[in-house]
């Protein structure tokens, strides 16, 4: 599958690629005390906690820094997914064809998309050293159901813009879930939607699944 515009953009800014790589293991450790109820945590506080948590985790774990895909996958499954609406993220990336996909096809798409993200950016984790994340002033209200949280990743060179879109999920065990992110002005879901739609138009949903699986087998460290 052809490299996306996002990948080409981030390769020109390796620190930006690193920033996106950091998202792959968001919340990978439990260094910071979590609130008594996830539903009580403000969206900007969630992003602040997870951002600090992930950087400390990467710095402390040499195998993650080395791009150990299997270990990163375990961390993603156990820690990221509770904080991300990955079904919405995948559905948005696939576009209108998602509604015509069978439940099995939707599951395959989510699995392959997650693997694609992990394998694509795992190699950038070895660059983590003295980076820090600052959350910009949050503009939102208690009534909001969807919000934008803006952050900057600081280290060597210019700060990197890394923004998050989150939605409020209902219920006692609910809380804020990430469903899209922006690195250097490029929204991840929007970029992949363009690429995926080309594959779907040419070969259908099964063609997209096959293309993702093929790329994942040959991409990154195993």
C-alpha atoms as a PDB file:
ATOM      1  CA  UNK A   1       0.000   0.000   0.000  1.00  0.00           C
ATOM      2  CA  UNK A   2       1.252   3.414  -0.924  1.00  0.00           C
ATOM      3  CA  UNK A   3       2.681   5.619   1.838  1.00  0.00           C
ATOM      4  CA  UNK A   4       0.219   8.212   3.064  1.00  0.00           C
ATOM      5  CA  UNK A   5       0.678  11.953   3.017  1.00  0.00           C
ATOM      6  CA  UNK A   6       0.808  11.888   6.805  1.00  0.00           C
ATOM      7  CA  UNK A   7       3.734   9.486   6.889  1.00  0.00           C
ATOM      8  CA  UNK A   8       5.647  11.566   4.348  1.00  0.00           C
ATOM      9  CA  UNK A   9       4.969  14.720   6.359  1.00  0.00           C
ATOM     10  CA  UNK A  10       6.110  13.177   9.618  1.00  0.00           C
ATOM     11  CA  UNK A  11       9.219  11.688   8.068  1.00  0.00           C
ATOM     12  CA  UNK A  12      10.270  15.235   7.241  1.00  0.00           C
ATOM     13  CA  UNK A  13       9.824  16.020  10.926  1.00  0.00           C
ATOM     14  CA  UNK A  14      11.152  13.038  12.877  1.00  0.00           C
ATOM     15  CA  UNK A  15      10.121  14.598  16.182  1.00  0.00           C
ATOM     16  CA  UNK A  16       6.559  14.737  14.895  1.00  0.00           C
ATOM     17  CA  UNK A  17       6.761  11.054  14.024  1.00  0.00           C
ATOM     18  CA  UNK A  18       7.990  10.450  17.559  1.00  0.00           C
ATOM     19  CA  UNK A  19       5.050  12.387  18.988  1.00  0.00           C
ATOM     20  CA  UNK A  20       2.576  10.215  17.132  1.00  0.00           C
ATOM     21  CA  UNK A  21       4.465   7.085  18.133  1.00  0.00           C
ATOM     22  CA  UNK A  22       4.015   8.084  21.751  1.00  0.00           C
ATOM     23  CA  UNK A  23       0.248   7.926  21.330  1.00  0.00           C
ATOM     24  CA  UNK A  24       0.469   4.206  20.571  1.00  0.00           C
ATOM     25  CA  UNK A  25       1.190   3.337  24.176  1.00  0.00           C
ATOM     26  CA  UNK A  26      -0.921   6.002  25.871  1.00  0.00           C
ATOM     27  CA  UNK A  27      -1.508   5.069  29.483  1.00  0.00           C
ATOM     28  CA  UNK A  28       0.923   2.181  29.297  1.00  0.00           C
ATOM     29  CA  UNK A  29       1.935   2.471  32.948  1.00  0.00           C
ATOM     30  CA  UNK A  30       0.228   3.189  36.238  1.00  0.00           C
ATOM     31  CA  UNK A  31       2.735   5.653  37.641  1.00  0.00           C
ATOM     32  CA  UNK A  32       0.139   8.339  38.182  1.00  0.00           C
ATOM     33  CA  UNK A  33      -2.784   8.026  40.587  1.00  0.00           C
ATOM     34  CA  UNK A  34      -6.006   7.655  38.631  1.00  0.00           C
ATOM     35  CA  UNK A  35      -9.218   9.385  39.748  1.00  0.00           C
ATOM     36  CA  UNK A  36     -11.730   7.411  41.792  1.00  0.00           C
ATOM     37  CA  UNK A  37     -14.112   7.539  38.840  1.00  0.00           C
ATOM     38  CA  UNK A  38     -13.035   7.905  35.215  1.00  0.00           C
ATOM     39  CA  UNK A  39     -16.270   9.792  34.592  1.00  0.00           C
ATOM     40  CA  UNK A  40     -15.080  12.524  36.977  1.00  0.00           C
ATOM     41  CA  UNK A  41     -11.858  13.275  35.106  1.00  0.00           C
ATOM     42  CA  UNK A  42     -11.864  16.378  32.892  1.00  0.00           C
ATOM     43  CA  UNK A  43     -10.724  15.785  29.295  1.00  0.00           C
ATOM     44  CA  UNK A  44      -7.657  18.018  29.550  1.00  0.00           C
ATOM     45  CA  UNK A  45      -6.628  16.326  32.818  1.00  0.00           C
ATOM     46  CA  UNK A  46      -7.006  12.917  31.152  1.00  0.00           C
ATOM     47  CA  UNK A  47      -4.727  13.948  28.296  1.00  0.00           C
ATOM     48  CA  UNK A  48      -2.219  15.521  30.689  1.00  0.00           C
ATOM     49  CA  UNK A  49      -2.050  12.387  32.843  1.00  0.00           C
ATOM     50  CA  UNK A  50      -1.777   9.973  29.951  1.00  0.00           C
ATOM     51  CA  UNK A  51       0.799  12.083  28.117  1.00  0.00           C
ATOM     52  CA  UNK A  52       3.103  12.245  31.130  1.00  0.00           C
ATOM     53  CA  UNK A  53       2.490   8.574  31.839  1.00  0.00           C
ATOM     54  CA  UNK A  54       3.404   7.404  28.336  1.00  0.00           C
ATOM     55  CA  UNK A  55       6.640   9.359  28.139  1.00  0.00           C
ATOM     56  CA  UNK A  56       7.809   8.042  31.503  1.00  0.00           C
ATOM     57  CA  UNK A  57       6.898   4.502  30.462  1.00  0.00           C
ATOM     58  CA  UNK A  58       8.807   4.668  27.177  1.00  0.00           C
ATOM     59  CA  UNK A  59      11.877   6.149  28.842  1.00  0.00           C
ATOM     60  CA  UNK A  60      11.883   3.406  31.482  1.00  0.00           C
ATOM     61  CA  UNK A  61      11.367   0.399  29.182  1.00  0.00           C
ATOM     62  CA  UNK A  62      14.231  -0.386  26.828  1.00  0.00           C
ATOM     63  CA  UNK A  63      12.263  -3.012  24.880  1.00  0.00           C
ATOM     64  CA  UNK A  64       9.496  -0.539  24.083  1.00  0.00           C
ATOM     65  CA  UNK A  65      12.066   2.045  23.018  1.00  0.00           C
ATOM     66  CA  UNK A  66      13.645  -0.576  20.781  1.00  0.00           C
ATOM     67  CA  UNK A  67      10.293  -1.034  19.010  1.00  0.00           C
ATOM     68  CA  UNK A  68       9.316  -4.454  20.386  1.00  0.00           C
ATOM     69  CA  UNK A  69       5.996  -4.751  18.535  1.00  0.00           C
ATOM     70  CA  UNK A  70       4.708  -7.694  20.563  1.00  0.00           C
ATOM     71  CA  UNK A  71       5.258  -5.870  23.837  1.00  0.00           C
ATOM     72  CA  UNK A  72       3.778  -2.644  22.483  1.00  0.00           C
ATOM     73  CA  UNK A  73       0.739  -4.610  21.295  1.00  0.00           C
ATOM     74  CA  UNK A  74       0.201  -6.037  24.771  1.00  0.00           C
ATOM     75  CA  UNK A  75       0.360  -2.557  26.263  1.00  0.00           C
ATOM     76  CA  UNK A  76      -2.005  -1.163  23.635  1.00  0.00           C
ATOM     77  CA  UNK A  77      -4.557  -3.918  24.265  1.00  0.00           C
ATOM     78  CA  UNK A  78      -4.457  -3.577  28.042  1.00  0.00           C
ATOM     79  CA  UNK A  79      -4.050   0.183  28.449  1.00  0.00           C
ATOM     80  CA  UNK A  80      -4.863   2.193  25.327  1.00  0.00           C
ATOM     81  CA  UNK A  81      -8.179   0.663  24.363  1.00  0.00           C
ATOM     82  CA  UNK A  82      -9.993   1.681  27.582  1.00  0.00           C
ATOM     83  CA  UNK A  83      -9.135   5.304  26.722  1.00  0.00           C
ATOM     84  CA  UNK A  84      -9.909   5.249  22.985  1.00  0.00           C
ATOM     85  CA  UNK A  85     -13.116   4.735  21.012  1.00  0.00           C
ATOM     86  CA  UNK A  86     -11.251   2.667  18.459  1.00  0.00           C
ATOM     87  CA  UNK A  87     -14.410   1.460  16.732  1.00  0.00           C
ATOM     88  CA  UNK A  88     -15.340   5.065  15.971  1.00  0.00           C
ATOM     89  CA  UNK A  89     -11.786   5.811  14.880  1.00  0.00           C
ATOM     90  CA  UNK A  90     -11.741   2.853  12.497  1.00  0.00           C
ATOM     91  CA  UNK A  91     -15.253   3.515  11.195  1.00  0.00           C
ATOM     92  CA  UNK A  92     -14.335   7.122  10.434  1.00  0.00           C
ATOM     93  CA  UNK A  93     -11.162   6.051   8.643  1.00  0.00           C
ATOM     94  CA  UNK A  94     -13.055   3.490   6.538  1.00  0.00           C
ATOM     95  CA  UNK A  95     -15.843   5.947   5.721  1.00  0.00           C
ATOM     96  CA  UNK A  96     -19.329   5.115   4.366  1.00  0.00           C
ATOM     97  CA  UNK A  97     -18.301   1.552   3.472  1.00  0.00           C
ATOM     98  CA  UNK A  98     -18.113   0.751   7.196  1.00  0.00           C
ATOM     99  CA  UNK A  99     -21.926   0.537   7.352  1.00  0.00           C
ATOM    100  CA  UNK A 100     -21.962  -2.127   4.624  1.00  0.00           C
ATOM    101  CA  UNK A 101     -19.256  -4.230   6.290  1.00  0.00           C
ATOM    102  CA  UNK A 102     -20.247  -7.342   8.200  1.00  0.00           C
ATOM    103  CA  UNK A 103     -19.429  -7.599  11.937  1.00  0.00           C
ATOM    104  CA  UNK A 104     -16.552  -9.957  11.065  1.00  0.00           C
ATOM    105  CA  UNK A 105     -15.191  -7.518   8.471  1.00  0.00           C
ATOM    106  CA  UNK A 106     -15.458  -4.662  10.982  1.00  0.00           C
ATOM    107  CA  UNK A 107     -13.498  -6.682  13.541  1.00  0.00           C
ATOM    108  CA  UNK A 108     -10.810  -7.512  10.976  1.00  0.00           C
ATOM    109  CA  UNK A 109     -10.569  -3.845   9.977  1.00  0.00           C
ATOM    110  CA  UNK A 110     -10.126  -2.741  13.590  1.00  0.00           C
ATOM    111  CA  UNK A 111      -7.481  -5.393  14.242  1.00  0.00           C
ATOM    112  CA  UNK A 112      -5.494  -4.625  11.091  1.00  0.00           C
ATOM    113  CA  UNK A 113      -5.755  -0.842  11.549  1.00  0.00           C
ATOM    114  CA  UNK A 114      -4.454  -1.107  15.108  1.00  0.00           C
ATOM    115  CA  UNK A 115      -1.573  -3.284  13.933  1.00  0.00           C
ATOM    116  CA  UNK A 116      -0.811  -0.825  11.137  1.00  0.00           C
ATOM    117  CA  UNK A 117      -0.536   2.079  13.566  1.00  0.00           C
ATOM    118  CA  UNK A 118       1.654   0.174  16.004  1.00  0.00           C
ATOM    119  CA  UNK A 119       4.013  -1.232  13.370  1.00  0.00           C
ATOM    120  CA  UNK A 120       4.265   2.029  11.417  1.00  0.00           C
ATOM    121  CA  UNK A 121       5.389   4.128  14.368  1.00  0.00           C
ATOM    122  CA  UNK A 122       7.105   1.625  16.685  1.00  0.00           C
ATOM    123  CA  UNK A 123      10.521   2.430  15.206  1.00  0.00           C
ATOM    124  CA  UNK A 124      10.331   6.049  16.350  1.00  0.00           C
ATOM    125  CA  UNK A 125      10.149   5.183  20.047  1.00  0.00           C
ATOM    126  CA  UNK A 126      13.922   4.889  20.395  1.00  0.00           C
ATOM    127  CA  UNK A 127      14.116   8.664  19.979  1.00  0.00           C
ATOM    128  CA  UNK A 128      12.372   9.345  23.298  1.00  0.00           C
ATOM    129  CA  UNK A 129      14.764  11.061  25.706  1.00  0.00           C
ATOM    130  CA  UNK A 130      13.960  14.390  27.355  1.00  0.00           C
ATOM    131  CA  UNK A 131      10.580  15.170  25.824  1.00  0.00           C
ATOM    132  CA  UNK A 132       7.755  16.658  27.862  1.00  0.00           C
ATOM    133  CA  UNK A 133       4.123  17.493  27.101  1.00  0.00           C
ATOM    134  CA  UNK A 134       2.280  20.670  27.995  1.00  0.00           C
ATOM    135  CA  UNK A 135      -1.507  20.972  27.712  1.00  0.00           C
ATOM    136  CA  UNK A 136      -2.641  24.299  26.308  1.00  0.00           C
ATOM    137  CA  UNK A 137      -5.478  26.236  28.033  1.00  0.00           C
ATOM    138  CA  UNK A 138      -8.687  24.239  27.653  1.00  0.00           C
ATOM    139  CA  UNK A 139     -11.819  25.861  26.292  1.00  0.00           C
ATOM    140  CA  UNK A 140     -14.819  23.755  27.131  1.00  0.00           C
ATOM    141  CA  UNK A 141     -17.837  23.455  29.413  1.00  0.00           C
ATOM    142  CA  UNK A 142     -19.393  20.765  31.560  1.00  0.00           C
ATOM    143  CA  UNK A 143     -22.189  20.361  28.990  1.00  0.00           C
ATOM    144  CA  UNK A 144     -19.874  19.491  26.083  1.00  0.00           C
ATOM    145  CA  UNK A 145     -20.128  15.981  24.635  1.00  0.00           C
ATOM    146  CA  UNK A 146     -17.158  16.363  22.274  1.00  0.00           C
ATOM    147  CA  UNK A 147     -14.060  18.494  22.887  1.00  0.00           C
ATOM    148  CA  UNK A 148     -10.662  19.388  21.477  1.00  0.00           C
ATOM    149  CA  UNK A 149      -7.611  19.257  23.751  1.00  0.00           C
ATOM    150  CA  UNK A 150      -4.470  20.890  22.387  1.00  0.00           C
ATOM    151  CA  UNK A 151      -0.979  19.963  23.542  1.00  0.00           C
ATOM    152  CA  UNK A 152       2.645  20.584  22.621  1.00  0.00           C
ATOM    153  CA  UNK A 153       5.425  18.008  22.786  1.00  0.00           C
ATOM    154  CA  UNK A 154       8.636  19.769  23.731  1.00  0.00           C
ATOM    155  CA  UNK A 155      12.193  18.550  23.356  1.00  0.00           C
ATOM    156  CA  UNK A 156      15.011  19.225  20.955  1.00  0.00           C
ATOM    157  CA  UNK A 157      13.956  21.572  18.170  1.00  0.00           C
ATOM    158  CA  UNK A 158      10.608  23.262  17.743  1.00  0.00           C
ATOM    159  CA  UNK A 159       7.594  22.145  19.810  1.00  0.00           C
ATOM    160  CA  UNK A 160       5.278  19.726  18.010  1.00  0.00           C
ATOM    161  CA  UNK A 161       1.522  20.275  17.939  1.00  0.00           C
ATOM    162  CA  UNK A 162      -0.338  17.164  19.111  1.00  0.00           C
ATOM    163  CA  UNK A 163      -4.085  17.618  19.556  1.00  0.00           C
ATOM    164  CA  UNK A 164      -6.831  15.214  20.587  1.00  0.00           C
ATOM    165  CA  UNK A 165     -10.544  14.980  19.844  1.00  0.00           C
ATOM    166  CA  UNK A 166     -12.474  13.279  22.646  1.00  0.00           C
ATOM    167  CA  UNK A 167     -16.083  12.270  23.238  1.00  0.00           C
ATOM    168  CA  UNK A 168     -17.969  11.862  26.507  1.00  0.00           C
ATOM    169  CA  UNK A 169     -19.287   8.339  27.018  1.00  0.00           C
ATOM    170  CA  UNK A 170     -22.345   7.737  29.227  1.00  0.00           C
ATOM    171  CA  UNK A 171     -22.770   5.586  32.293  1.00  0.00           C
ATOM    172  CA  UNK A 172     -21.165   5.245  35.701  1.00  0.00           C
ATOM    173  CA  UNK A 173     -18.065   3.677  34.153  1.00  0.00           C
ATOM    174  CA  UNK A 174     -18.028   6.193  31.328  1.00  0.00           C
ATOM    175  CA  UNK A 175     -15.607   9.014  30.746  1.00  0.00           C
ATOM    176  CA  UNK A 176     -13.754  10.758  27.951  1.00  0.00           C
ATOM    177  CA  UNK A 177     -12.534   8.660  25.018  1.00  0.00           C
ATOM    178  CA  UNK A 178     -10.059   9.722  22.313  1.00  0.00           C
ATOM    179  CA  UNK A 179     -11.299   9.201  18.749  1.00  0.00           C
ATOM    180  CA  UNK A 180      -8.914  11.256  16.601  1.00  0.00           C
ATOM    181  CA  UNK A 181      -5.574  13.032  16.875  1.00  0.00           C
ATOM    182  CA  UNK A 182      -3.718  15.714  15.008  1.00  0.00           C
ATOM    183  CA  UNK A 183       0.054  15.797  14.516  1.00  0.00           C
ATOM    184  CA  UNK A 184       1.626  18.834  12.850  1.00  0.00           C
ATOM    185  CA  UNK A 185      -1.761  19.961  11.526  1.00  0.00           C
ATOM    186  CA  UNK A 186      -2.657  16.567  10.008  1.00  0.00           C
ATOM    187  CA  UNK A 187      -5.629  14.598  11.396  1.00  0.00           C
ATOM    188  CA  UNK A 188      -4.799  10.897  11.484  1.00  0.00           C
ATOM    189  CA  UNK A 189      -8.301   9.580  10.710  1.00  0.00           C
ATOM    190  CA  UNK A 190      -8.840  11.993   7.817  1.00  0.00           C
ATOM    191  CA  UNK A 191      -5.557  11.018   6.233  1.00  0.00           C
ATOM    192  CA  UNK A 192      -6.215   7.298   6.399  1.00  0.00           C
ATOM    193  CA  UNK A 193      -9.782   7.808   5.114  1.00  0.00           C
ATOM    194  CA  UNK A 194      -8.376   9.128   1.822  1.00  0.00           C
ATOM    195  CA  UNK A 195      -6.047   6.153   1.478  1.00  0.00           C
ATOM    196  CA  UNK A 196      -8.647   3.571   2.520  1.00  0.00           C
ATOM    197  CA  UNK A 197     -11.335   4.930   0.211  1.00  0.00           C
ATOM    198  CA  UNK A 198      -9.029   4.448  -2.782  1.00  0.00           C
ATOM    199  CA  UNK A 199      -8.476   0.813  -1.821  1.00  0.00           C
ATOM    200  CA  UNK A 200     -12.191   0.208  -1.179  1.00  0.00           C
ATOM    201  CA  UNK A 201     -13.201   1.767  -4.511  1.00  0.00           C
ATOM    202  CA  UNK A 202     -10.729  -0.471  -6.321  1.00  0.00           C
ATOM    203  CA  UNK A 203     -11.117  -3.759  -4.429  1.00  0.00           C
ATOM    204  CA  UNK A 204     -13.891  -3.479  -1.851  1.00  0.00           C
ATOM    205  CA  UNK A 205     -13.818  -4.035   1.917  1.00  0.00           C
ATOM    206  CA  UNK A 206     -12.127  -7.422   1.630  1.00  0.00           C
ATOM    207  CA  UNK A 207      -9.514  -5.850  -0.613  1.00  0.00           C
ATOM    208  CA  UNK A 208      -8.749  -3.242   2.036  1.00  0.00           C
ATOM    209  CA  UNK A 209      -8.461  -5.914   4.732  1.00  0.00           C
ATOM    210  CA  UNK A 210      -6.099  -7.942   2.556  1.00  0.00           C
ATOM    211  CA  UNK A 211      -3.990  -4.897   1.721  1.00  0.00           C
ATOM    212  CA  UNK A 212      -3.687  -3.939   5.399  1.00  0.00           C
ATOM    213  CA  UNK A 213      -2.803  -7.498   6.413  1.00  0.00           C
ATOM    214  CA  UNK A 214      -0.163  -7.720   3.682  1.00  0.00           C
ATOM    215  CA  UNK A 215       1.395  -4.419   4.679  1.00  0.00           C
ATOM    216  CA  UNK A 216       1.381  -5.376   8.362  1.00  0.00           C
ATOM    217  CA  UNK A 217       3.237  -8.623   7.660  1.00  0.00           C
ATOM    218  CA  UNK A 218       6.051  -6.734   5.968  1.00  0.00           C
ATOM    219  CA  UNK A 219       6.126  -3.576   8.064  1.00  0.00           C
ATOM    220  CA  UNK A 220       8.059  -2.965  11.297  1.00  0.00           C
ATOM    221  CA  UNK A 221       9.600  -5.289  13.806  1.00  0.00           C
ATOM    222  CA  UNK A 222       7.980  -8.519  14.905  1.00  0.00           C
END
